[in-house]
Structures are given as C-alpha cells and as structure tokens.
Amino acid sequence: MARKSRLIAAVAKVLQAGADEMYPFLRGAKEKNMRVRYVSILSVLCFAPFAVAQDTFNLTGANPNGFYLGNDPAVYVSPYSATITGASSYTGYVICDDYSDEVTVPETWTADSSTVGANGAANGMWGGSSTTYSLSAAGISTTLPSTYTGAQGYNMVAYLADELMTDGNYNNVVAADALSYAIWTIFTPSAYSNISGDLVNNINIQSAVVTDIESAYTNTGDGHDYSGPTVTVWTPTTPYPTQGRPQEFLTIQTPEASALAYLTVDFTTVLGVLFVVRRRVLRGRQKAQAIKL
C-alpha cells in the first residue's frame, strides 16, 4: 500500500508541475482538485479490498493444461478459469477448495466474497474457529495436531493456493496434482483416498499431498498467520435445485503488483504527454525570446 501511495503521489506531483507551468493563473484551483482526486483514489485503494458483496461467478474453463487425477472419479485439478462480475470484476484463474460439490462449465451462480485472514474467511463455507477437521481421523498420518479449525484450514489453503500459482507450478503436472489434492484434503479428508496408489512421473501423490499440507501448516504459524498475496474466497449463495450447491473457489490477488503495473503504464503515458507539453512551452518561450531580440 505504501508503494502505491508513493507512486500515486509522484504521478500527482508531475501532473501538477506540468499544469502549473502551462496555467499558472489556475494553480490554486488545480491544486485543490488534484488533492480531491488523490484522496478519492487512495480511499478506493485502501478500502475496496475489505468490502463484502455478492457477485456473479461464471466458470468458463477447466484446467488449462488438461491435468486431471483420481481413481473414482478422475477430476480436473486447479486452476480453472472464471469470470466474476458485479461489485467485483475479475477474469482469470481460480482455485477450487471444495471437493464435496460439483460444477460444470459454463455454470453461473452468485457468490459472496471474503479475504483470508487470521480468523479464516468471514463468509467461507468451511467455518471458522468453532469448526474442526481431522486428518488423523481419516487415517492420514501427518505431523499436524489431531484437529485443526476451519480458520486454520483457510490459512493453510491460502498458502497452498499461492504456491500453486507461483513460479508456474500450475503448469507442472506433479505440483498441480499434489497441491490441488492437498487443498481439497484439508477440508475434505476423504479426497485423499481417491488418489491411493497414484504415481505421476514416478512421484507418489499421496506422499506429496502430506508434505504440502505439513509445509502449509508450518509456514502459516500453525495455520494462524498466512501472510502472502491477498486470497479472496468466493462462497456460493444460490444452490441449484437440480445440481446441488456450487463449489467454493479462491482467487489470488497481488494488488500492489497489479496497481504498480497499471500505474507504470499510465505514468509512462503521463510522462510522454508532459514531455510534449514541456517541449511546446519551451518552444513558446524560445520564440518569445527571439522576438524580443
């Protein structure tokens, strides 16, 4: 957020300098207008991520590489593609954390959004601190305690989702399979049994799933402190009467990186415009000096 503020301030300063040079008699009025815009932009950037609103979620595609895994049934692993419209706007990859429900392309439903924090996801279907899950009860041997809460689960899932979308891991079949099933197993331990004996490139996926879950638990402070890029949880609110409840999905957002990329493009354009403006101003001054001479 600090980077965005500094960059926005720099752009505002450059714009103001160009405006003052061209229109010195409007300096006071333009200064007020720029401050209003600056405060408005910061308000949107600061508070928009915390808004909770209902949106339309449209699943548009399965795994882009065609990766799937499972004994009965075999299912596509994350990521998938989706478009989200309404109070929010998003088109891109999404990660599924819900093994219990089913959806098909191109289903559409409404969803509430919430971001993952220390207390999990406010609107998440898997609950918070009062809901518990157990891998050991499902016969899965791990270093995790016998039970963990839904809030801890969301922190671990957020970490794994970030891992999936980092360094092109979703393009690696072993990583995509293991991370997807690790995410599903955290909230639906029975998903683990669907990959019993499955080897991908001679890697035992069940073993990889356990390793990924243990890593997520350790790297989030025992499931209490996910600190990576913002993870938004999209929880369905309108189940289909014939097909049951739609699935819950996650998106990974890096607001600072995307904002910086967006502002960099705008900043380059602004510099180009100001270069033309300043060049014209300088030419005007040179002509005036020539006339005086």
Foldseek 3Di string as FASTA:
>chain_A
DVVLLVLLVVLLVLVLVLCCLVCVVCNVVVVVVSVVVSVVVVVCVVCVQADKDKKKKWFAFFQPVPFWDFAVPIGTFDWGWIFIDDSDTDTGTWHFLAPPADDDPGDMFMWIKAWQALQGGPPDPLDGQVAKDALVVVVQDAPAPRIDGNSLLRQLLVVLVVVCPPPVVSVPNLSRLLSRLLSNCSRPVVSLVRQVPPADVNHRSSVSSRVSSNVSCVVQVNSRRRDDAIKMKIAGDDADPVRGGDTIIIDGDHVVVVSVVVVVVVSVVSVVVSVVSVVVSVVVVVVVVVVVD
